Amino acid sequence: MPARNKNNIDFTLLVTVLILLAIGVAMVFSASSISSFMKYNDRYHYLKSQGFFAILGILAMMFMSKFDYRILGRFAGALVLLSIVLLIAVFIPGIGYSANNAARWIKIGDQTMQPSELAKFALIIFMAKSISNKKEKIRSFKHGVLPYVILAGIYFVLIILEPNLSMAGSILMITFAMLFAAGTKIIYLLGWLIPLLPAIGYIIMKKPYMLARITSYMDPWADPLNTGYQAIQSLYALGSGGIFGLGLGNSRQKFFYIPEPQNDFIFAIIGEELGFIGTSTIVILFLMLIWRGLRIALSCPDTFGCLLATGITCMIAIQATLNIAVATVSVPTTGISLPFISSGGSSLLFVMANMGILLNISKTVKIGRS
């Protein structure tokens, strides 16, 4: 069992996370103040919610940073089962909560919880524990690929039914990344993509709104008032920000031009208010986080910790990349949040808990902390 230094976590990672969190709380308030006042007659509604979950997130991160990550492996199966049950529960009237023609949440009092966030968490822990136990068997298709493809497939189907293609896709990408990191043969990884791509294409063709997002991505100005609307407004926001931005709180696009600006398109609001300097800072902070996460993974003395750190880091990298790509119209519009920054209680809570686990793993790693 690897030795642990109980007083030495990765300080650079911790500071990076806290800066991203602080920027997130400030930008959620700036982006949401107008819509919050119109919807709730309280311009601080989203700020209070985000601030509350930011505090809970810090507490969760502190707890998980002191909780021995190796114990998490014991709960891997239970977490998978619980996540599947909750993913099914979103479709049960009285338990699930629907908004914008999507059933993605479970209502808990005045708050909502997104089970797909737990699914990502459970998948990473389960794969890390299972793969670390299999050792060389991971290089076989039967033991090293098939069980995880089946589990990812179950998650994919349940999440796509909500529907939430971006979250379902991120589940598959996390699975692919962890299998690749574990040493699975490339031919096996490419093999399960062959039937998957036509399946995703079929799903998109059967869902008119998904197909519309693809076509509008190719030419947003072909339908500027409907399918291309969000993409165009996002580009307007980023373009009008210039180098230094219009100033914090001075966004024009948040005046109902971009729907729900505190969520999926918050990066565009950052670009408008803080300019190229602000968006570059966000990108650099995420690159710093990913770099530290991968260093921790590569230097971790045990396989479970290595794969756990890899999965967590890849999850952050995938979400951040997709969100920024959507805001810059580099990929079709999806509904995936920007970690630490977009408004969303359960998303923020889980991502902060994951950062606590990553900090906990860093205690076993002998690398520079600065």
Protein backbone atom coordinates (compact mmCIF):
# COMPACT_ATOMS: atom_id res chain seq x y z
CA MET A 1 0.00 0.00 0.00
CA PRO A 2 1.52 3.35 -1.04
CA ALA A 3 2.72 5.70 1.64
CA ARG A 4 0.67 8.84 2.23
CA ASN A 5 1.73 12.29 3.32
CA LYS A 6 -1.34 13.54 5.14
CA ASN A 7 -0.22 17.17 5.09
CA ASN A 8 0.82 17.54 1.47
CA ILE A 9 -1.74 17.95 -1.29
CA ASP A 10 -1.20 19.45 -4.72
CA PHE A 11 -1.41 23.14 -3.83
CA THR A 12 -1.35 24.30 -7.47
CA LEU A 13 -4.38 22.13 -8.27
CA LEU A 14 -6.22 23.41 -5.20
CA VAL A 15 -5.61 27.07 -6.08
CA THR A 16 -6.64 26.49 -9.71
CA VAL A 17 -9.92 24.90 -8.62
CA LEU A 18 -10.71 27.71 -6.19
CA ILE A 19 -10.00 30.40 -8.80
CA LEU A 20 -12.29 28.67 -11.31
CA LEU A 21 -14.97 28.37 -8.63
CA ALA A 22 -14.73 32.06 -7.70
CA ILE A 23 -14.93 33.10 -11.36
CA GLY A 24 -17.94 30.82 -11.77
CA VAL A 25 -19.89 32.36 -8.89
CA ALA A 26 -19.13 35.91 -10.12
CA MET A 27 -20.05 35.13 -13.72
CA VAL A 28 -23.25 33.28 -12.83
CA PHE A 29 -24.41 36.42 -11.01
CA SER A 30 -23.35 38.71 -13.84
CA ALA A 31 -24.94 36.53 -16.54
CA SER A 32 -28.17 35.77 -14.67
CA SER A 33 -29.10 38.97 -12.85
CA ILE A 34 -31.53 40.19 -15.54
CA SER A 35 -33.27 36.87 -16.24
CA SER A 36 -33.31 36.11 -12.52
CA PHE A 37 -35.14 39.37 -11.77
CA MET A 38 -37.67 38.80 -14.55
CA LYS A 39 -38.32 35.18 -13.61
CA TYR A 40 -38.15 35.30 -9.80
CA ASN A 41 -38.34 39.04 -9.04
CA ASP A 42 -34.97 38.56 -7.35
CA ARG A 43 -31.77 39.39 -9.23
CA TYR A 44 -29.78 37.37 -6.67
CA HIS A 45 -31.73 34.11 -7.10
CA TYR A 46 -29.11 32.26 -9.15
CA LEU A 47 -26.27 33.84 -7.16
CA LYS A 48 -27.71 32.56 -3.89
CA SER A 49 -28.20 29.08 -5.34
CA GLN A 50 -24.71 28.96 -6.91
CA GLY A 51 -23.11 30.41 -3.78
CA PHE A 52 -24.86 27.82 -1.60
CA PHE A 53 -23.67 24.93 -3.75
CA ALA A 54 -20.20 26.47 -4.00
CA ILE A 55 -19.96 26.32 -0.20
CA LEU A 56 -21.31 22.75 -0.20
CA GLY A 57 -18.84 21.93 -2.97
CA ILE A 58 -15.89 23.26 -0.96
CA LEU A 59 -17.01 21.19 2.02
CA ALA A 60 -17.37 18.12 -0.22
CA MET A 61 -13.91 18.73 -1.66
CA MET A 62 -12.41 19.09 1.83
CA PHE A 63 -14.09 15.90 3.00
CA MET A 64 -13.07 13.86 -0.04
CA SER A 65 -9.50 15.20 0.14
CA LYS A 66 -9.23 13.60 3.59
CA PHE A 67 -11.21 10.45 2.73
CA ASP A 68 -8.87 7.64 1.60
CA TYR A 69 -9.69 7.24 -2.09
CA ARG A 70 -8.92 3.50 -1.98
CA ILE A 71 -12.03 2.96 0.16
CA LEU A 72 -14.18 4.24 -2.72
CA GLY A 73 -13.53 1.04 -4.63
CA ARG A 74 -15.64 -0.89 -2.11
CA PHE A 75 -18.70 1.14 -3.10
CA ALA A 76 -18.21 0.92 -6.87
CA GLY A 77 -20.94 -1.66 -7.51
CA ALA A 78 -23.43 0.03 -5.19
CA LEU A 79 -22.84 3.40 -6.85
CA VAL A 80 -23.44 1.91 -10.30
CA LEU A 81 -26.68 0.27 -9.16
CA LEU A 82 -27.87 3.46 -7.44
CA SER A 83 -27.09 5.58 -10.50
CA ILE A 84 -29.06 3.23 -12.79
CA VAL A 85 -32.04 3.26 -10.43
CA LEU A 86 -31.99 7.08 -10.32
CA LEU A 87 -31.66 7.32 -14.10
CA ILE A 88 -34.81 5.23 -14.39
CA ALA A 89 -36.53 7.27 -11.66
CA VAL A 90 -36.41 10.47 -13.75
CA PHE A 91 -39.19 8.97 -15.91
CA ILE A 92 -41.48 8.21 -12.93
CA PRO A 93 -44.20 10.86 -12.44
CA GLY A 94 -43.92 12.56 -9.08
CA ILE A 95 -40.22 11.73 -8.77
CA GLY A 96 -38.73 12.96 -12.02
CA TYR A 97 -38.70 16.61 -13.01
CA SER A 98 -38.99 17.79 -16.61
CA ALA A 99 -38.05 21.10 -18.21
CA ASN A 100 -37.71 22.17 -21.85
CA ASN A 101 -39.09 18.81 -23.06
CA ALA A 102 -36.38 16.88 -21.21
CA ALA A 103 -36.69 14.59 -18.16
CA ARG A 104 -33.20 14.81 -16.68
CA TRP A 105 -33.74 15.65 -13.03
CA ILE A 106 -35.09 14.33 -9.75
CA LYS A 107 -36.87 16.83 -7.54
CA ILE A 108 -35.55 17.03 -3.98
CA GLY A 109 -37.46 19.70 -2.08
CA ASP A 110 -36.80 23.01 -3.80
CA GLN A 111 -33.69 21.65 -5.53
CA THR A 112 -33.14 19.28 -8.43
CA MET A 113 -30.51 16.59 -8.85
CA GLN A 114 -29.23 15.28 -12.18
CA PRO A 115 -28.62 11.50 -11.92
CA SER A 116 -26.36 11.54 -14.98
CA GLU A 117 -23.79 13.40 -12.84
CA LEU A 118 -23.80 10.47 -10.41
CA ALA A 119 -23.56 8.10 -13.38
CA LYS A 120 -20.27 9.67 -14.50
CA PHE A 121 -18.94 9.50 -10.94
CA ALA A 122 -19.98 5.85 -10.55
CA LEU A 123 -18.61 4.85 -13.96
CA ILE A 124 -15.16 6.28 -13.23
CA ILE A 125 -14.90 4.59 -9.82
CA PHE A 126 -16.23 1.26 -11.10
CA MET A 127 -13.91 1.17 -14.10
CA ALA A 128 -10.87 2.19 -12.05
CA LYS A 129 -11.52 -0.50 -9.44
CA SER A 130 -12.48 -3.26 -11.88
CA ILE A 131 -9.59 -2.64 -14.28
CA SER A 132 -7.05 -2.46 -11.44
CA ASN A 133 -8.23 -5.91 -10.28
CA LYS A 134 -8.00 -7.47 -13.75
CA LYS A 135 -4.40 -6.46 -14.45
CA GLU A 136 -3.30 -8.13 -17.73
CA LYS A 137 -6.83 -9.39 -18.50
CA ILE A 138 -7.63 -5.84 -19.59
CA ARG A 139 -5.93 -6.64 -22.90
CA SER A 140 -8.56 -9.23 -23.77
CA PHE A 141 -11.83 -8.22 -25.41
CA LYS A 142 -14.04 -10.42 -23.22
CA HIS A 143 -12.67 -9.20 -19.88
CA GLY A 144 -11.09 -5.90 -20.79
CA VAL A 145 -13.60 -4.22 -23.08
CA LEU A 146 -16.98 -5.93 -23.23
CA PRO A 147 -18.11 -5.40 -19.57
CA TYR A 148 -17.37 -1.68 -19.72
CA VAL A 149 -18.94 -1.21 -23.14
CA ILE A 150 -22.10 -2.90 -21.83
CA LEU A 151 -22.20 -0.66 -18.75
CA ALA A 152 -21.54 2.46 -20.83
CA GLY A 153 -24.24 1.27 -23.24
CA ILE A 154 -26.79 0.98 -20.42
CA TYR A 155 -25.95 4.50 -19.28
CA PHE A 156 -26.04 5.76 -22.87
CA VAL A 157 -29.52 4.37 -23.54
CA LEU A 158 -31.01 5.67 -20.28
CA ILE A 159 -29.51 9.14 -20.74
CA ILE A 160 -30.40 9.39 -24.44
CA LEU A 161 -34.03 8.68 -23.50
CA GLU A 162 -34.13 11.80 -21.32
CA PRO A 163 -32.97 13.03 -23.96
CA ASN A 164 -29.42 14.28 -23.37
CA LEU A 165 -27.11 13.38 -26.24
CA SER A 166 -24.18 15.48 -25.00
CA MET A 167 -24.12 13.82 -21.58
CA ALA A 168 -24.58 10.37 -23.14
CA GLY A 169 -21.72 11.11 -25.51
CA SER A 170 -19.46 12.24 -22.66
CA ILE A 171 -20.11 8.91 -20.91
CA LEU A 172 -18.80 7.09 -23.99
CA MET A 173 -15.78 9.38 -24.28
CA ILE A 174 -14.86 8.84 -20.61
CA THR A 175 -15.14 5.07 -21.12
CA PHE A 176 -12.94 5.23 -24.22
CA ALA A 177 -10.32 7.40 -22.46
CA MET A 178 -10.08 5.14 -19.41
CA LEU A 179 -9.81 1.97 -21.52
CA PHE A 180 -7.10 3.62 -23.59
CA ALA A 181 -5.21 4.67 -20.43
CA ALA A 182 -5.52 1.13 -19.06
CA GLY A 183 -3.71 -0.31 -22.08
CA THR A 184 -6.61 -1.82 -24.02
CA LYS A 185 -5.66 -2.82 -27.56
CA ILE A 186 -6.44 -0.07 -30.06
CA ILE A 187 -8.18 -2.54 -32.38
CA TYR A 188 -10.70 -3.32 -29.63
CA LEU A 189 -11.32 0.36 -28.94
CA LEU A 190 -11.88 1.12 -32.61
CA GLY A 191 -13.96 -2.02 -33.02
CA TRP A 192 -16.76 -0.96 -30.71
CA LEU A 193 -16.88 2.45 -32.37
CA ILE A 194 -17.84 0.90 -35.72
CA PRO A 195 -21.41 -0.06 -34.70
CA LEU A 196 -21.68 2.93 -32.35
CA LEU A 197 -21.31 5.70 -34.93
CA PRO A 198 -24.20 4.48 -37.16
CA ALA A 199 -26.33 4.07 -34.02
CA ILE A 200 -25.69 7.69 -33.01
CA GLY A 201 -26.41 8.77 -36.57
CA TYR A 202 -29.73 6.91 -36.47
CA ILE A 203 -30.67 8.54 -33.16
CA ILE A 204 -29.90 11.99 -34.57
CA MET A 205 -31.99 11.29 -37.68
CA LYS A 206 -34.95 10.18 -35.54
CA LYS A 207 -34.80 13.30 -33.35
CA PRO A 208 -35.70 16.39 -35.42
CA TYR A 209 -34.20 18.84 -32.93
CA MET A 210 -30.87 16.97 -32.93
CA LEU A 211 -30.77 16.95 -36.72
CA ALA A 212 -31.63 20.65 -36.75
CA ARG A 213 -28.62 21.34 -34.53
CA ILE A 214 -26.34 19.58 -37.01
CA THR A 215 -27.69 21.47 -40.01
CA SER A 216 -27.69 24.80 -38.18
CA TYR A 217 -24.06 24.23 -37.19
CA MET A 218 -23.16 23.94 -40.86
CA ASP A 219 -24.80 27.30 -41.58
CA PRO A 220 -26.31 29.13 -38.56
CA TRP A 221 -27.36 32.09 -40.73
CA ALA A 222 -29.61 29.88 -42.84
CA ASP A 223 -32.18 30.04 -40.01
CA PRO A 224 -31.02 32.93 -37.78
CA LEU A 225 -34.25 33.26 -35.81
CA ASN A 226 -34.69 29.57 -34.97
CA THR A 227 -32.15 26.73 -35.16
CA GLY A 228 -29.14 29.02 -35.70
CA TYR A 229 -30.19 31.61 -33.13
CA GLN A 230 -28.08 30.51 -30.14
CA ALA A 231 -24.93 30.00 -32.20
CA ILE A 232 -25.22 33.42 -33.82
CA GLN A 233 -25.88 35.22 -30.53
CA SER A 234 -22.92 33.43 -28.95
CA LEU A 235 -20.65 34.62 -31.76
CA TYR A 236 -22.01 38.16 -31.36
CA ALA A 237 -21.17 38.03 -27.66
CA LEU A 238 -17.63 36.76 -28.20
CA GLY A 239 -16.98 39.17 -31.05
CA SER A 240 -18.24 42.27 -29.26
CA GLY A 241 -15.99 41.57 -26.28
CA GLY A 242 -12.81 42.25 -28.23
CA ILE A 243 -9.53 42.02 -26.33
CA PHE A 244 -10.53 43.44 -22.95
CA GLY A 245 -14.33 43.02 -22.95
CA LEU A 246 -17.16 45.42 -22.19
CA GLY A 247 -16.59 45.14 -18.45
CA LEU A 248 -18.00 42.85 -15.77
CA GLY A 249 -21.79 43.14 -15.71
CA ASN A 250 -22.01 45.00 -19.04
CA SER A 251 -23.10 42.16 -21.31
CA ARG A 252 -25.80 43.03 -23.80
CA GLN A 253 -26.49 39.45 -24.90
CA LYS A 254 -27.73 38.50 -21.42
CA PHE A 255 -30.75 40.76 -22.04
CA PHE A 256 -32.71 37.76 -23.37
CA TYR A 257 -30.69 37.36 -26.56
CA ILE A 258 -28.97 34.22 -25.27
CA PRO A 259 -31.47 31.94 -23.46
CA GLU A 260 -30.31 30.89 -19.97
CA PRO A 261 -26.96 32.71 -20.30
CA GLN A 262 -25.77 31.43 -16.90
CA ASN A 263 -25.75 27.85 -18.14
CA ASP A 264 -24.50 26.37 -21.42
CA PHE A 265 -23.38 29.66 -23.02
CA ILE A 266 -21.75 31.31 -20.02
CA PHE A 267 -18.39 31.17 -21.82
CA ALA A 268 -19.83 33.54 -24.45
CA ILE A 269 -20.87 35.98 -21.71
CA ILE A 270 -17.35 35.77 -20.26
CA GLY A 271 -15.99 36.63 -23.70
CA GLU A 272 -18.35 39.59 -24.03
CA GLU A 273 -17.67 41.03 -20.57
CA LEU A 274 -14.02 40.07 -20.04
CA GLY A 275 -12.89 39.76 -23.64
CA PHE A 276 -10.14 37.63 -25.10
CA ILE A 277 -8.14 38.13 -21.89
CA GLY A 278 -10.94 36.61 -19.82
CA THR A 279 -11.62 33.64 -22.07
CA SER A 280 -7.88 32.94 -22.42
CA THR A 281 -7.57 32.97 -18.64
CA ILE A 282 -10.34 30.37 -18.37
CA VAL A 283 -8.67 28.15 -20.97
CA ILE A 284 -5.28 28.45 -19.24
CA LEU A 285 -6.82 27.55 -15.87
CA PHE A 286 -8.42 24.43 -17.35
CA LEU A 287 -5.15 23.48 -19.04
CA MET A 288 -3.39 23.91 -15.69
CA LEU A 289 -5.96 21.68 -13.99
CA ILE A 290 -5.68 19.01 -16.69
CA TRP A 291 -1.87 19.13 -16.54
CA ARG A 292 -1.83 18.67 -12.76
CA GLY A 293 -4.44 15.92 -12.97
CA LEU A 294 -2.46 13.97 -15.56
CA ARG A 295 0.77 14.42 -13.56
CA ILE A 296 -0.95 12.99 -10.53
CA ALA A 297 -2.28 10.07 -12.57
CA LEU A 298 1.08 9.27 -14.17
CA SER A 299 2.94 9.47 -10.86
CA CYS A 300 0.40 7.58 -8.72
CA PRO A 301 1.97 4.41 -7.25
CA ASP A 302 -1.17 2.22 -7.50
CA THR A 303 -3.26 1.32 -10.54
CA PHE A 304 -6.61 2.18 -8.96
CA GLY A 305 -5.47 5.70 -8.06
CA CYS A 306 -3.89 6.18 -11.49
CA LEU A 307 -7.07 5.23 -13.33
CA LEU A 308 -9.28 7.18 -10.94
CA ALA A 309 -7.22 10.34 -11.46
CA THR A 310 -7.21 9.72 -15.22
CA GLY A 311 -11.00 9.34 -15.33
CA ILE A 312 -11.64 12.47 -13.27
CA THR A 313 -9.21 14.55 -15.31
CA CYS A 314 -10.61 13.30 -18.62
CA MET A 315 -14.15 14.07 -17.46
CA ILE A 316 -13.22 17.70 -16.76
CA ALA A 317 -11.26 17.95 -20.02
CA ILE A 318 -14.13 16.53 -22.10
CA GLN A 319 -16.80 18.77 -20.55
CA ALA A 320 -14.73 21.94 -20.73
CA THR A 321 -13.67 21.27 -24.32
CA LEU A 322 -17.22 20.53 -25.48
CA ASN A 323 -18.71 23.57 -23.74
CA ILE A 324 -16.09 25.97 -25.11
CA ALA A 325 -16.38 24.39 -28.56
CA VAL A 326 -20.17 24.93 -28.50
CA ALA A 327 -19.81 28.59 -27.44
CA THR A 328 -17.32 29.22 -30.26
CA VAL A 329 -19.52 27.27 -32.73
CA SER A 330 -16.73 24.76 -33.31
CA VAL A 331 -19.20 21.88 -32.79
CA PRO A 332 -23.01 21.64 -32.94
CA THR A 333 -24.93 23.04 -29.99
CA THR A 334 -25.17 20.68 -27.01
CA GLY A 335 -26.44 21.05 -23.48
CA ILE A 336 -23.25 20.36 -21.54
CA SER A 337 -22.15 22.68 -18.73
CA LEU A 338 -18.77 24.33 -18.17
CA PRO A 339 -17.28 22.74 -15.01
CA PHE A 340 -17.03 25.04 -11.96
CA ILE A 341 -18.54 27.95 -13.89
CA SER A 342 -21.99 27.14 -15.32
CA SER A 343 -24.99 27.40 -13.03
CA GLY A 344 -26.10 24.04 -11.65
CA GLY A 345 -26.13 22.64 -8.13
CA SER A 346 -25.65 18.89 -8.59
CA SER A 347 -23.09 19.41 -11.34
CA LEU A 348 -20.99 21.74 -9.19
CA LEU A 349 -21.27 19.50 -6.13
CA PHE A 350 -20.10 16.40 -7.98
CA VAL A 351 -17.25 18.14 -9.76
CA MET A 352 -15.96 19.58 -6.47
CA ALA A 353 -16.20 16.16 -4.82
CA ASN A 354 -14.18 14.76 -7.72
CA MET A 355 -11.54 17.45 -7.17
CA GLY A 356 -11.37 16.36 -3.53
CA ILE A 357 -10.64 12.81 -4.65
CA LEU A 358 -7.94 14.07 -7.01
CA LEU A 359 -6.36 16.08 -4.18
CA ASN A 360 -6.52 12.98 -1.98
CA ILE A 361 -4.70 10.93 -4.61
CA SER A 362 -2.07 13.67 -4.89
CA LYS A 363 -0.99 12.89 -1.30
CA THR A 364 0.55 9.62 -2.52
CA VAL A 365 2.41 11.24 -5.38
CA LYS A 366 6.03 12.41 -5.20
CA ILE A 367 5.98 15.40 -7.56
CA GLY A 368 6.54 19.12 -7.16
CA ARG A 369 3.60 20.89 -5.48
CA SER A 370 4.25 24.38 -6.81
